[in-house]
Amino acid sequence: KKKKKKKVRKKRKKEKKKEKKVPKKRKKKINKRKERTKKKKEKNQRKKPKKKKQRKKQTFIKGKKIFSKKFNFKTNFKKIKFPNQPYQT
């Protein structure tokens, strides 16, 4: 009786193995970076364009004009050493 049972099991295993040999359908690999950039591009198209801020036109130090019309506040401020001498950008 025991031997018969084993044979049955073996047969079943073989049948299962045969079934497994059918090739599985492969999942299409998604390039995550491409997907992200695509989403960002779409999002950017939906966004309203930002308005550019106006830069400051004139500044005065001790009543003397130092800059010509447009300037970048941070960089130009470092360049000034003597407030009584006008600085040209």
C-alpha atoms as a PDB file:
ATOM      1  CA  LYS A   1       0.000   0.000   0.000  1.00  0.00           C
ATOM      2  CA  LYS A   2       2.756   2.425   0.921  1.00  0.00           C
ATOM      3  CA  LYS A   3       4.575   1.931  -2.383  1.00  0.00           C
ATOM      4  CA  LYS A   4       1.435   2.607  -4.383  1.00  0.00           C
ATOM      5  CA  LYS A   5       0.914   5.896  -2.560  1.00  0.00           C
ATOM      6  CA  LYS A   6       4.446   7.026  -3.356  1.00  0.00           C
ATOM      7  CA  LYS A   7       3.981   6.262  -7.029  1.00  0.00           C
ATOM      8  CA  VAL A   8       0.817   8.314  -7.148  1.00  0.00           C
ATOM      9  CA  ARG A   9       2.631  11.240  -5.543  1.00  0.00           C
ATOM     10  CA  LYS A  10       5.479  11.007  -8.019  1.00  0.00           C
ATOM     11  CA  LYS A  11       3.064  10.994 -10.928  1.00  0.00           C
ATOM     12  CA  ARG A  12       1.343  14.087  -9.575  1.00  0.00           C
ATOM     13  CA  LYS A  13       4.673  15.867  -9.157  1.00  0.00           C
ATOM     14  CA  LYS A  14       5.627  15.073 -12.742  1.00  0.00           C
ATOM     15  CA  GLU A  15       2.309  16.432 -13.987  1.00  0.00           C
ATOM     16  CA  LYS A  16       2.813  19.622 -12.022  1.00  0.00           C
ATOM     17  CA  LYS A  17       6.323  20.029 -13.422  1.00  0.00           C
ATOM     18  CA  LYS A  18       4.984  19.691 -16.948  1.00  0.00           C
ATOM     19  CA  GLU A  19       2.430  22.412 -16.263  1.00  0.00           C
ATOM     20  CA  LYS A  20       5.056  24.757 -14.864  1.00  0.00           C
ATOM     21  CA  LYS A  21       7.172  24.603 -17.998  1.00  0.00           C
ATOM     22  CA  VAL A  22       4.732  26.901 -19.840  1.00  0.00           C
ATOM     23  CA  PRO A  23       6.591  30.221 -20.199  1.00  0.00           C
ATOM     24  CA  LYS A  24       5.224  33.007 -18.067  1.00  0.00           C
ATOM     25  CA  LYS A  25       4.243  36.302 -19.584  1.00  0.00           C
ATOM     26  CA  ARG A  26       6.972  38.771 -18.707  1.00  0.00           C
ATOM     27  CA  LYS A  27       6.074  42.078 -17.160  1.00  0.00           C
ATOM     28  CA  LYS A  28       7.138  45.085 -19.152  1.00  0.00           C
ATOM     29  CA  LYS A  29       9.922  46.822 -17.250  1.00  0.00           C
ATOM     30  CA  ILE A  30       9.090  50.438 -16.502  1.00  0.00           C
ATOM     31  CA  ASN A  31      11.866  52.978 -16.519  1.00  0.00           C
ATOM     32  CA  LYS A  32      11.044  54.919 -13.365  1.00  0.00           C
ATOM     33  CA  ARG A  33      13.204  57.934 -14.162  1.00  0.00           C
ATOM     34  CA  LYS A  34      11.525  58.365 -17.553  1.00  0.00           C
ATOM     35  CA  GLU A  35       8.115  58.121 -15.927  1.00  0.00           C
ATOM     36  CA  ARG A  36       9.048  60.745 -13.340  1.00  0.00           C
ATOM     37  CA  THR A  37      10.352  63.194 -15.926  1.00  0.00           C
ATOM     38  CA  LYS A  38       7.231  62.655 -18.019  1.00  0.00           C
ATOM     39  CA  LYS A  39       5.009  63.465 -15.045  1.00  0.00           C
ATOM     40  CA  LYS A  40       7.060  66.551 -14.203  1.00  0.00           C
ATOM     41  CA  LYS A  41       6.837  67.832 -17.776  1.00  0.00           C
ATOM     42  CA  GLU A  42       3.073  67.372 -17.783  1.00  0.00           C
ATOM     43  CA  LYS A  43       2.804  69.136 -14.433  1.00  0.00           C
ATOM     44  CA  ASN A  44       4.933  72.036 -15.642  1.00  0.00           C
ATOM     45  CA  GLN A  45       2.743  72.481 -18.692  1.00  0.00           C
ATOM     46  CA  ARG A  46      -0.320  72.774 -16.477  1.00  0.00           C
ATOM     47  CA  LYS A  47       1.330  75.366 -14.223  1.00  0.00           C
ATOM     48  CA  LYS A  48       0.840  79.063 -14.823  1.00  0.00           C
ATOM     49  CA  PRO A  49       4.034  80.880 -15.779  1.00  0.00           C
ATOM     50  CA  LYS A  50       5.563  82.796 -12.887  1.00  0.00           C
ATOM     51  CA  LYS A  51       5.819  86.547 -13.046  1.00  0.00           C
ATOM     52  CA  LYS A  52       9.343  87.875 -12.775  1.00  0.00           C
ATOM     53  CA  LYS A  53       9.962  90.104  -9.803  1.00  0.00           C
ATOM     54  CA  GLN A  54      11.187  93.593 -10.535  1.00  0.00           C
ATOM     55  CA  ARG A  55      14.619  94.394  -9.226  1.00  0.00           C
ATOM     56  CA  LYS A  56      15.249  97.439  -7.133  1.00  0.00           C
ATOM     57  CA  LYS A  57      16.107 100.445  -9.249  1.00  0.00           C
ATOM     58  CA  GLN A  58      17.912 102.903  -6.960  1.00  0.00           C
ATOM     59  CA  THR A  59      19.521 102.898  -3.531  1.00  0.00           C
ATOM     60  CA  PHE A  60      20.979 105.721  -1.528  1.00  0.00           C
ATOM     61  CA  ILE A  61      23.705 105.566   1.074  1.00  0.00           C
ATOM     62  CA  LYS A  62      24.074 108.742   3.116  1.00  0.00           C
ATOM     63  CA  GLY A  63      22.150 110.638   0.461  1.00  0.00           C
ATOM     64  CA  LYS A  64      24.493 109.640  -2.381  1.00  0.00           C
ATOM     65  CA  LYS A  65      23.387 107.483  -5.288  1.00  0.00           C
ATOM     66  CA  ILE A  66      25.690 104.478  -5.626  1.00  0.00           C
ATOM     67  CA  PHE A  67      24.247 102.130  -8.238  1.00  0.00           C
ATOM     68  CA  SER A  68      23.199 102.526 -11.788  1.00  0.00           C
ATOM     69  CA  LYS A  69      19.613 101.425 -12.510  1.00  0.00           C
ATOM     70  CA  LYS A  70      19.711  97.612 -12.198  1.00  0.00           C
ATOM     71  CA  PHE A  71      21.853  95.687  -9.760  1.00  0.00           C
ATOM     72  CA  ASN A  72      22.037  92.510  -7.798  1.00  0.00           C
ATOM     73  CA  PHE A  73      21.808  93.581  -4.176  1.00  0.00           C
ATOM     74  CA  LYS A  74      23.914  90.848  -2.552  1.00  0.00           C
ATOM     75  CA  THR A  75      26.935  90.774  -4.857  1.00  0.00           C
ATOM     76  CA  ASN A  76      27.182  94.491  -5.404  1.00  0.00           C
ATOM     77  CA  PHE A  77      26.918  95.305  -1.748  1.00  0.00           C
ATOM     78  CA  LYS A  78      30.042  93.284  -1.033  1.00  0.00           C
ATOM     79  CA  LYS A  79      31.983  95.213  -3.676  1.00  0.00           C
ATOM     80  CA  ILE A  80      31.335  98.587  -2.018  1.00  0.00           C
ATOM     81  CA  LYS A  81      34.029  99.608   0.421  1.00  0.00           C
ATOM     82  CA  PHE A  82      33.625 103.366   0.693  1.00  0.00           C
ATOM     83  CA  PRO A  83      30.062 104.659   0.852  1.00  0.00           C
ATOM     84  CA  ASN A  84      31.106 108.162  -0.212  1.00  0.00           C
ATOM     85  CA  GLN A  85      32.450 106.965  -3.587  1.00  0.00           C
ATOM     86  CA  PRO A  86      29.850 106.168  -6.253  1.00  0.00           C
ATOM     87  CA  TYR A  87      30.160 102.608  -7.545  1.00  0.00           C
ATOM     88  CA  GLN A  88      29.354 101.791 -11.151  1.00  0.00           C
ATOM     89  CA  THR A  89      27.938  98.432 -12.175  1.00  0.00           C
END
